[in-house]
Amino acid sequence: MTRDTRSRDQANMLEKSMRILQAFRSGDRKLRLSEIAERTGMPKSTAHRLSQALIDHQLLAWDADGYELGLGLFELSALVPLKQRLRESALPFMQDLFLATHETVHLGVRDGTDVIYVEKIYGHSDLALPSRVGGRLPLTCTAVGKALLAFSTDEIRTAVLAKPLRRITTKSVIDPERLRRQLAEIRATGLAFESEEATLGRACVAAPVIVQGEAVAAMSISVPIAQYRIPQLAAAVKTATLGLTRQLRSTTR
């Protein structure tokens, strides 16, 4: 076997291993081998062999109920500089926001056309929320995502608005013109709102964390519709994000 052949085989194995890890989606706790094979398009024998290798490296774990993501991934994720720095800086402000409301608080960053949740404090009424740490949702269906999108570049906003907007619930915004107006208002006020667009019965208020002119993250609070008091929630979220912004700016000087 030549060196080029070995390199291609290794690259192919790495690509297939990544497909197995990426087969896990938001809300998935465990997958059976048949589900992994179906989602990756691999034969069961290949999916099983590579899954065993991932278990050996603690990137997957297995029991009688199926496969789940392993502790090795959690340990590696804690070393990612952006997440680590954001999490360490944001947690005190997120905890203050939680103590003031006892509701779910999120911290998210943009990745392509999605928001990735890098931290979450579970509120007392956190039922059936689709968000989880490390999970992703469309920018356009969440307040935290809209805050990030509003303060992204013109090119990114144009690219998102040019594609069909994804629907999570019947109340998700799928009209590009309506979303464009919302984004303009978010840029003017520094606040983003979402009502039952990601989860029926829940509403959300978010604000961006802007450092050196860039929205490096956004923070939000999610509440039941019956507790959707916009002025109070908006003031609380704005206070928390301004505090985090000052903290991050002080460490970048």
C-alpha atoms as a PDB file:
ATOM      1  CA  MET A   1       0.000   0.000   0.000  1.00  0.00           C
ATOM      2  CA  THR A   2       1.444   3.375  -1.013  1.00  0.00           C
ATOM      3  CA  ARG A   3       1.605   6.423   1.238  1.00  0.00           C
ATOM      4  CA  ASP A   4      -1.021   8.192  -0.887  1.00  0.00           C
ATOM      5  CA  THR A   5      -3.366   5.216  -0.566  1.00  0.00           C
ATOM      6  CA  ARG A   6      -2.922   5.112   3.203  1.00  0.00           C
ATOM      7  CA  SER A   7      -3.570   8.864   3.423  1.00  0.00           C
ATOM      8  CA  ARG A   8      -6.766   8.510   1.401  1.00  0.00           C
ATOM      9  CA  ASP A   9      -7.938   5.606   3.557  1.00  0.00           C
ATOM     10  CA  GLN A  10      -7.264   7.561   6.750  1.00  0.00           C
ATOM     11  CA  ALA A  11      -9.077  10.614   5.418  1.00  0.00           C
ATOM     12  CA  ASN A  12     -12.007   8.425   4.402  1.00  0.00           C
ATOM     13  CA  MET A  13     -12.156   6.841   7.864  1.00  0.00           C
ATOM     14  CA  LEU A  14     -12.027  10.259   9.524  1.00  0.00           C
ATOM     15  CA  GLU A  15     -14.822  11.556   7.288  1.00  0.00           C
ATOM     16  CA  LYS A  16     -17.014   8.542   8.086  1.00  0.00           C
ATOM     17  CA  SER A  17     -16.302   8.863  11.805  1.00  0.00           C
ATOM     18  CA  MET A  18     -17.361  12.509  11.690  1.00  0.00           C
ATOM     19  CA  ARG A  19     -20.588  11.497   9.930  1.00  0.00           C
ATOM     20  CA  ILE A  20     -21.365   9.138  12.802  1.00  0.00           C
ATOM     21  CA  LEU A  21     -20.856  11.882  15.405  1.00  0.00           C
ATOM     22  CA  GLN A  22     -22.905  14.322  13.334  1.00  0.00           C
ATOM     23  CA  ALA A  23     -25.729  11.790  13.078  1.00  0.00           C
ATOM     24  CA  PHE A  24     -26.769  12.912  16.558  1.00  0.00           C
ATOM     25  CA  ARG A  25     -29.245  15.769  16.327  1.00  0.00           C
ATOM     26  CA  SER A  26     -30.836  18.178  18.747  1.00  0.00           C
ATOM     27  CA  GLY A  27     -33.032  16.182  21.113  1.00  0.00           C
ATOM     28  CA  ASP A  28     -31.251  12.869  20.507  1.00  0.00           C
ATOM     29  CA  ARG A  29     -29.993  11.154  23.633  1.00  0.00           C
ATOM     30  CA  LYS A  30     -29.249   7.734  22.175  1.00  0.00           C
ATOM     31  CA  LEU A  31     -29.258   6.140  18.749  1.00  0.00           C
ATOM     32  CA  ARG A  32     -29.413   2.491  17.812  1.00  0.00           C
ATOM     33  CA  LEU A  33     -26.958   1.089  15.293  1.00  0.00           C
ATOM     34  CA  SER A  34     -29.696   0.881  12.658  1.00  0.00           C
ATOM     35  CA  GLU A  35     -30.432   4.598  13.099  1.00  0.00           C
ATOM     36  CA  ILE A  36     -26.756   5.518  12.780  1.00  0.00           C
ATOM     37  CA  ALA A  37     -26.439   3.424   9.639  1.00  0.00           C
ATOM     38  CA  GLU A  38     -29.574   4.999   8.150  1.00  0.00           C
ATOM     39  CA  ARG A  39     -28.536   8.581   8.913  1.00  0.00           C
ATOM     40  CA  THR A  40     -24.972   8.131   7.642  1.00  0.00           C
ATOM     41  CA  GLY A  41     -25.793   5.945   4.659  1.00  0.00           C
ATOM     42  CA  MET A  42     -23.251   3.347   5.790  1.00  0.00           C
ATOM     43  CA  PRO A  43     -23.640  -0.425   5.975  1.00  0.00           C
ATOM     44  CA  LYS A  44     -24.312  -1.583   9.520  1.00  0.00           C
ATOM     45  CA  SER A  45     -20.996  -3.444   9.611  1.00  0.00           C
ATOM     46  CA  THR A  46     -19.053  -0.258   8.795  1.00  0.00           C
ATOM     47  CA  ALA A  47     -21.075   1.851  11.231  1.00  0.00           C
ATOM     48  CA  HIS A  48     -20.488  -0.748  13.968  1.00  0.00           C
ATOM     49  CA  ARG A  49     -16.733  -0.979  13.338  1.00  0.00           C
ATOM     50  CA  LEU A  50     -16.215   2.791  13.366  1.00  0.00           C
ATOM     51  CA  SER A  51     -18.516   3.250  16.352  1.00  0.00           C
ATOM     52  CA  GLN A  52     -16.394   0.781  18.311  1.00  0.00           C
ATOM     53  CA  ALA A  53     -13.292   2.819  17.452  1.00  0.00           C
ATOM     54  CA  LEU A  54     -15.033   5.978  18.671  1.00  0.00           C
ATOM     55  CA  ILE A  55     -15.982   4.207  21.899  1.00  0.00           C
ATOM     56  CA  ASP A  56     -12.311   3.281  22.408  1.00  0.00           C
ATOM     57  CA  HIS A  57     -11.479   7.005  22.294  1.00  0.00           C
ATOM     58  CA  GLN A  58     -14.446   7.946  24.539  1.00  0.00           C
ATOM     59  CA  LEU A  59     -16.084   9.921  21.746  1.00  0.00           C
ATOM     60  CA  LEU A  60     -19.057   7.569  21.913  1.00  0.00           C
ATOM     61  CA  ALA A  61     -20.482   5.442  24.717  1.00  0.00           C
ATOM     62  CA  TRP A  62     -22.737   2.397  24.486  1.00  0.00           C
ATOM     63  CA  ASP A  63     -25.146   0.430  26.630  1.00  0.00           C
ATOM     64  CA  ALA A  64     -28.118  -1.829  25.979  1.00  0.00           C
ATOM     65  CA  ASP A  65     -30.269   1.148  24.970  1.00  0.00           C
ATOM     66  CA  GLY A  66     -27.912   2.294  22.224  1.00  0.00           C
ATOM     67  CA  TYR A  67     -25.085   4.723  21.480  1.00  0.00           C
ATOM     68  CA  GLU A  68     -24.630   8.183  22.948  1.00  0.00           C
ATOM     69  CA  LEU A  69     -22.004  10.906  22.678  1.00  0.00           C
ATOM     70  CA  GLY A  70     -19.075  10.242  24.986  1.00  0.00           C
ATOM     71  CA  LEU A  71     -17.343  12.162  27.737  1.00  0.00           C
ATOM     72  CA  GLY A  72     -14.320  12.680  25.501  1.00  0.00           C
ATOM     73  CA  LEU A  73     -16.339  15.116  23.384  1.00  0.00           C
ATOM     74  CA  PHE A  74     -17.411  17.034  26.481  1.00  0.00           C
ATOM     75  CA  GLU A  75     -13.798  17.297  27.633  1.00  0.00           C
ATOM     76  CA  LEU A  76     -12.647  18.510  24.227  1.00  0.00           C
ATOM     77  CA  SER A  77     -15.474  21.039  23.937  1.00  0.00           C
ATOM     78  CA  ALA A  78     -14.404  22.643  27.207  1.00  0.00           C
ATOM     79  CA  LEU A  79     -11.032  23.422  25.624  1.00  0.00           C
ATOM     80  CA  VAL A  80     -12.467  25.418  22.707  1.00  0.00           C
ATOM     81  CA  PRO A  81     -11.206  28.970  23.451  1.00  0.00           C
ATOM     82  CA  LEU A  82     -14.324  30.853  22.344  1.00  0.00           C
ATOM     83  CA  LYS A  83     -16.701  28.658  24.286  1.00  0.00           C
ATOM     84  CA  GLN A  84     -14.487  28.533  27.364  1.00  0.00           C
ATOM     85  CA  ARG A  85     -13.953  32.286  27.520  1.00  0.00           C
ATOM     86  CA  LEU A  86     -17.570  33.118  26.780  1.00  0.00           C
ATOM     87  CA  ARG A  87     -18.873  30.605  29.282  1.00  0.00           C
ATOM     88  CA  GLU A  88     -16.565  31.723  32.076  1.00  0.00           C
ATOM     89  CA  SER A  89     -17.365  35.388  31.477  1.00  0.00           C
ATOM     90  CA  ALA A  90     -21.082  34.912  30.860  1.00  0.00           C
ATOM     91  CA  LEU A  91     -22.084  32.554  33.680  1.00  0.00           C
ATOM     92  CA  PRO A  92     -22.223  35.191  36.457  1.00  0.00           C
ATOM     93  CA  PHE A  93     -24.486  37.410  34.326  1.00  0.00           C
ATOM     94  CA  MET A  94     -26.609  34.436  33.255  1.00  0.00           C
ATOM     95  CA  GLN A  95     -26.976  33.407  36.901  1.00  0.00           C
ATOM     96  CA  ASP A  96     -28.054  36.934  37.842  1.00  0.00           C
ATOM     97  CA  LEU A  97     -30.677  36.833  35.077  1.00  0.00           C
ATOM     98  CA  PHE A  98     -31.896  33.422  36.242  1.00  0.00           C
ATOM     99  CA  LEU A  99     -32.116  34.522  39.883  1.00  0.00           C
ATOM    100  CA  ALA A 100     -34.175  37.527  38.837  1.00  0.00           C
ATOM    101  CA  THR A 101     -36.660  35.466  36.832  1.00  0.00           C
ATOM    102  CA  HIS A 102     -36.211  31.736  37.608  1.00  0.00           C
ATOM    103  CA  GLU A 103     -36.650  31.149  33.873  1.00  0.00           C
ATOM    104  CA  THR A 104     -34.413  29.573  31.214  1.00  0.00           C
ATOM    105  CA  VAL A 105     -31.385  31.591  30.125  1.00  0.00           C
ATOM    106  CA  HIS A 106     -29.424  30.875  26.939  1.00  0.00           C
ATOM    107  CA  LEU A 107     -26.066  31.939  25.539  1.00  0.00           C
ATOM    108  CA  GLY A 108     -25.578  31.317  21.823  1.00  0.00           C
ATOM    109  CA  VAL A 109     -23.124  31.959  19.004  1.00  0.00           C
ATOM    110  CA  ARG A 110     -23.655  31.924  15.255  1.00  0.00           C
ATOM    111  CA  ASP A 111     -22.419  29.077  13.066  1.00  0.00           C
ATOM    112  CA  GLY A 112     -23.447  29.537   9.448  1.00  0.00           C
ATOM    113  CA  THR A 113     -27.223  29.925   9.391  1.00  0.00           C
ATOM    114  CA  ASP A 114     -27.718  28.356  12.832  1.00  0.00           C
ATOM    115  CA  VAL A 115     -27.313  29.387  16.437  1.00  0.00           C
ATOM    116  CA  ILE A 116     -25.267  27.022  18.595  1.00  0.00           C
ATOM    117  CA  TYR A 117     -26.051  27.053  22.304  1.00  0.00           C
ATOM    118  CA  VAL A 118     -22.819  27.230  24.301  1.00  0.00           C
ATOM    119  CA  GLU A 119     -24.480  27.545  27.718  1.00  0.00           C
ATOM    120  CA  LYS A 120     -27.939  27.141  29.213  1.00  0.00           C
ATOM    121  CA  ILE A 121     -29.402  27.556  32.680  1.00  0.00           C
ATOM    122  CA  TYR A 122     -32.622  25.595  33.024  1.00  0.00           C
ATOM    123  CA  GLY A 123     -35.580  27.501  34.381  1.00  0.00           C
ATOM    124  CA  HIS A 124     -38.371  26.201  36.593  1.00  0.00           C
ATOM    125  CA  SER A 125     -40.776  26.012  33.635  1.00  0.00           C
ATOM    126  CA  ASP A 126     -38.322  24.565  31.095  1.00  0.00           C
ATOM    127  CA  LEU A 127     -40.619  22.018  29.474  1.00  0.00           C
ATOM    128  CA  ALA A 128     -40.080  20.648  25.957  1.00  0.00           C
ATOM    129  CA  LEU A 129     -37.680  23.415  24.943  1.00  0.00           C
ATOM    130  CA  PRO A 130     -35.669  22.232  21.901  1.00  0.00           C
ATOM    131  CA  SER A 131     -32.456  23.976  23.000  1.00  0.00           C
ATOM    132  CA  ARG A 132     -29.518  22.160  24.593  1.00  0.00           C
ATOM    133  CA  VAL A 133     -25.850  22.944  25.138  1.00  0.00           C
ATOM    134  CA  GLY A 134     -24.047  22.052  21.923  1.00  0.00           C
ATOM    135  CA  GLY A 135     -27.305  21.917  19.984  1.00  0.00           C
ATOM    136  CA  ARG A 136     -28.298  24.178  17.141  1.00  0.00           C
ATOM    137  CA  LEU A 137     -31.452  25.798  15.798  1.00  0.00           C
ATOM    138  CA  PRO A 138     -32.126  28.105  12.833  1.00  0.00           C
ATOM    139  CA  LEU A 139     -31.130  31.728  13.400  1.00  0.00           C
ATOM    140  CA  THR A 140     -34.508  32.814  12.092  1.00  0.00           C
ATOM    141  CA  CYS A 141     -36.711  30.939  14.586  1.00  0.00           C
ATOM    142  CA  THR A 142     -35.198  32.039  17.892  1.00  0.00           C
ATOM    143  CA  ALA A 143     -34.718  35.389  19.593  1.00  0.00           C
ATOM    144  CA  VAL A 144     -31.067  34.646  20.323  1.00  0.00           C
ATOM    145  CA  GLY A 145     -30.586  33.676  16.668  1.00  0.00           C
ATOM    146  CA  LYS A 146     -32.328  36.804  15.382  1.00  0.00           C
ATOM    147  CA  ALA A 147     -30.116  38.961  17.612  1.00  0.00           C
ATOM    148  CA  LEU A 148     -27.042  37.337  16.092  1.00  0.00           C
ATOM    149  CA  LEU A 149     -28.377  37.584  12.546  1.00  0.00           C
ATOM    150  CA  ALA A 150     -29.381  41.232  12.902  1.00  0.00           C
ATOM    151  CA  PHE A 151     -25.825  42.180  13.834  1.00  0.00           C
ATOM    152  CA  SER A 152     -24.145  39.950  11.248  1.00  0.00           C
ATOM    153  CA  THR A 153     -22.738  41.310   7.993  1.00  0.00           C
ATOM    154  CA  ASP A 154     -24.964  42.396   5.124  1.00  0.00           C
ATOM    155  CA  GLU A 155     -23.676  39.403   3.137  1.00  0.00           C
ATOM    156  CA  ILE A 156     -24.786  36.918   5.786  1.00  0.00           C
ATOM    157  CA  ARG A 157     -28.229  38.489   6.174  1.00  0.00           C
ATOM    158  CA  THR A 158     -28.707  38.574   2.416  1.00  0.00           C
ATOM    159  CA  ALA A 159     -27.699  34.916   2.099  1.00  0.00           C
ATOM    160  CA  VAL A 160     -30.121  33.848   4.845  1.00  0.00           C
ATOM    161  CA  LEU A 161     -33.025  35.865   3.456  1.00  0.00           C
ATOM    162  CA  ALA A 162     -32.405  34.550  -0.062  1.00  0.00           C
ATOM    163  CA  LYS A 163     -33.120  30.964   1.002  1.00  0.00           C
ATOM    164  CA  PRO A 164     -36.445  29.435   2.066  1.00  0.00           C
ATOM    165  CA  LEU A 165     -36.863  30.175   5.769  1.00  0.00           C
ATOM    166  CA  ARG A 166     -37.148  27.100   7.955  1.00  0.00           C
ATOM    167  CA  ARG A 167     -40.314  26.482   9.937  1.00  0.00           C
ATOM    168  CA  ILE A 168     -40.231  24.854  13.392  1.00  0.00           C
ATOM    169  CA  THR A 169     -43.766  25.720  14.502  1.00  0.00           C
ATOM    170  CA  THR A 170     -46.805  27.142  12.738  1.00  0.00           C
ATOM    171  CA  LYS A 171     -45.792  30.566  14.061  1.00  0.00           C
ATOM    172  CA  SER A 172     -42.227  30.566  12.701  1.00  0.00           C
ATOM    173  CA  VAL A 173     -41.570  33.535  10.416  1.00  0.00           C
ATOM    174  CA  ILE A 174     -41.175  32.301   6.846  1.00  0.00           C
ATOM    175  CA  ASP A 175     -41.815  35.590   5.024  1.00  0.00           C
ATOM    176  CA  PRO A 176     -38.413  37.150   4.129  1.00  0.00           C
ATOM    177  CA  GLU A 177     -39.807  40.685   4.068  1.00  0.00           C
ATOM    178  CA  ARG A 178     -41.317  40.330   7.519  1.00  0.00           C
ATOM    179  CA  LEU A 179     -38.040  38.959   8.871  1.00  0.00           C
ATOM    180  CA  ARG A 180     -36.088  41.756   7.166  1.00  0.00           C
ATOM    181  CA  ARG A 181     -38.251  44.320   8.986  1.00  0.00           C
ATOM    182  CA  GLN A 182     -37.725  42.517  12.268  1.00  0.00           C
ATOM    183  CA  LEU A 183     -33.952  42.503  11.799  1.00  0.00           C
ATOM    184  CA  ALA A 184     -33.938  46.225  11.067  1.00  0.00           C
ATOM    185  CA  GLU A 185     -35.892  46.868  14.277  1.00  0.00           C
ATOM    186  CA  ILE A 186     -33.485  44.665  16.253  1.00  0.00           C
ATOM    187  CA  ARG A 187     -30.534  46.687  14.971  1.00  0.00           C
ATOM    188  CA  ALA A 188     -32.314  49.888  15.998  1.00  0.00           C
ATOM    189  CA  THR A 189     -33.305  48.748  19.508  1.00  0.00           C
ATOM    190  CA  GLY A 190     -30.680  46.131  20.362  1.00  0.00           C
ATOM    191  CA  LEU A 191     -33.432  43.693  21.374  1.00  0.00           C
ATOM    192  CA  ALA A 192     -34.861  40.624  19.630  1.00  0.00           C
ATOM    193  CA  PHE A 193     -38.210  38.982  20.307  1.00  0.00           C
ATOM    194  CA  GLU A 194     -39.759  35.637  19.448  1.00  0.00           C
ATOM    195  CA  SER A 195     -43.219  34.345  20.336  1.00  0.00           C
ATOM    196  CA  GLU A 196     -43.921  30.617  19.865  1.00  0.00           C
ATOM    197  CA  GLU A 197     -41.673  30.452  16.796  1.00  0.00           C
ATOM    198  CA  ALA A 198     -39.427  27.731  18.238  1.00  0.00           C
ATOM    199  CA  THR A 199     -41.765  26.162  20.821  1.00  0.00           C
ATOM    200  CA  LEU A 200     -45.513  26.619  21.133  1.00  0.00           C
ATOM    201  CA  GLY A 201     -46.429  28.154  24.455  1.00  0.00           C
ATOM    202  CA  ARG A 202     -43.026  29.835  24.928  1.00  0.00           C
ATOM    203  CA  ALA A 203     -41.676  33.296  24.149  1.00  0.00           C
ATOM    204  CA  CYS A 204     -38.175  34.713  24.237  1.00  0.00           C
ATOM    205  CA  VAL A 205     -36.297  38.016  24.532  1.00  0.00           C
ATOM    206  CA  ALA A 206     -32.638  38.329  23.509  1.00  0.00           C
ATOM    207  CA  ALA A 207     -29.877  40.888  23.089  1.00  0.00           C
ATOM    208  CA  PRO A 208     -26.498  40.688  21.328  1.00  0.00           C
ATOM    209  CA  VAL A 209     -23.074  40.833  22.950  1.00  0.00           C
ATOM    210  CA  ILE A 210     -21.072  43.177  20.713  1.00  0.00           C
ATOM    211  CA  VAL A 211     -17.297  43.400  21.024  1.00  0.00           C
ATOM    212  CA  GLN A 212     -15.229  45.490  18.610  1.00  0.00           C
ATOM    213  CA  GLY A 213     -18.278  45.964  16.393  1.00  0.00           C
ATOM    214  CA  GLU A 214     -19.007  42.239  16.119  1.00  0.00           C
ATOM    215  CA  ALA A 215     -21.814  40.208  17.708  1.00  0.00           C
ATOM    216  CA  VAL A 216     -19.713  37.516  19.347  1.00  0.00           C
ATOM    217  CA  ALA A 217     -22.714  36.018  21.148  1.00  0.00           C
ATOM    218  CA  ALA A 218     -26.271  36.697  22.246  1.00  0.00           C
ATOM    219  CA  MET A 219     -28.099  36.030  25.504  1.00  0.00           C
ATOM    220  CA  SER A 220     -31.789  35.311  25.892  1.00  0.00           C
ATOM    221  CA  ILE A 221     -34.452  34.451  28.419  1.00  0.00           C
ATOM    222  CA  SER A 222     -37.314  32.072  27.591  1.00  0.00           C
ATOM    223  CA  VAL A 223     -40.636  32.183  29.447  1.00  0.00           C
ATOM    224  CA  PRO A 224     -44.145  30.757  29.156  1.00  0.00           C
ATOM    225  CA  ILE A 225     -46.444  32.951  27.073  1.00  0.00           C
ATOM    226  CA  ALA A 226     -48.479  33.788  30.178  1.00  0.00           C
ATOM    227  CA  GLN A 227     -45.373  35.368  31.737  1.00  0.00           C
ATOM    228  CA  TYR A 228     -44.275  37.289  28.633  1.00  0.00           C
ATOM    229  CA  ARG A 229     -43.792  40.746  30.181  1.00  0.00           C
ATOM    230  CA  ILE A 230     -41.709  42.456  27.520  1.00  0.00           C
ATOM    231  CA  PRO A 231     -40.577  45.647  29.340  1.00  0.00           C
ATOM    232  CA  GLN A 232     -39.333  43.809  32.430  1.00  0.00           C
ATOM    233  CA  LEU A 233     -37.727  40.947  30.511  1.00  0.00           C
ATOM    234  CA  ALA A 234     -36.117  43.265  27.966  1.00  0.00           C
ATOM    235  CA  ALA A 235     -34.587  45.432  30.696  1.00  0.00           C
ATOM    236  CA  ALA A 236     -33.219  42.377  32.515  1.00  0.00           C
ATOM    237  CA  VAL A 237     -31.689  40.851  29.373  1.00  0.00           C
ATOM    238  CA  LYS A 238     -30.213  44.171  28.261  1.00  0.00           C
ATOM    239  CA  THR A 239     -28.593  44.673  31.665  1.00  0.00           C
ATOM    240  CA  ALA A 240     -27.052  41.192  31.573  1.00  0.00           C
ATOM    241  CA  THR A 241     -25.677  41.518  28.039  1.00  0.00           C
ATOM    242  CA  LEU A 242     -24.246  44.979  28.708  1.00  0.00           C
ATOM    243  CA  GLY A 243     -22.449  43.582  31.734  1.00  0.00           C
ATOM    244  CA  LEU A 244     -21.040  40.698  29.697  1.00  0.00           C
ATOM    245  CA  THR A 245     -20.042  43.079  26.912  1.00  0.00           C
ATOM    246  CA  ARG A 246     -18.077  45.243  29.325  1.00  0.00           C
ATOM    247  CA  GLN A 247     -16.412  42.170  30.801  1.00  0.00           C
ATOM    248  CA  LEU A 248     -15.325  40.839  27.405  1.00  0.00           C
ATOM    249  CA  ARG A 249     -14.143  44.243  26.210  1.00  0.00           C
ATOM    250  CA  SER A 250     -11.978  44.644  29.298  1.00  0.00           C
ATOM    251  CA  THR A 251     -10.190  41.369  28.574  1.00  0.00           C
ATOM    252  CA  THR A 252      -9.470  42.232  24.926  1.00  0.00           C
ATOM    253  CA  ARG A 253      -7.584  45.448  25.605  1.00  0.00           C
END
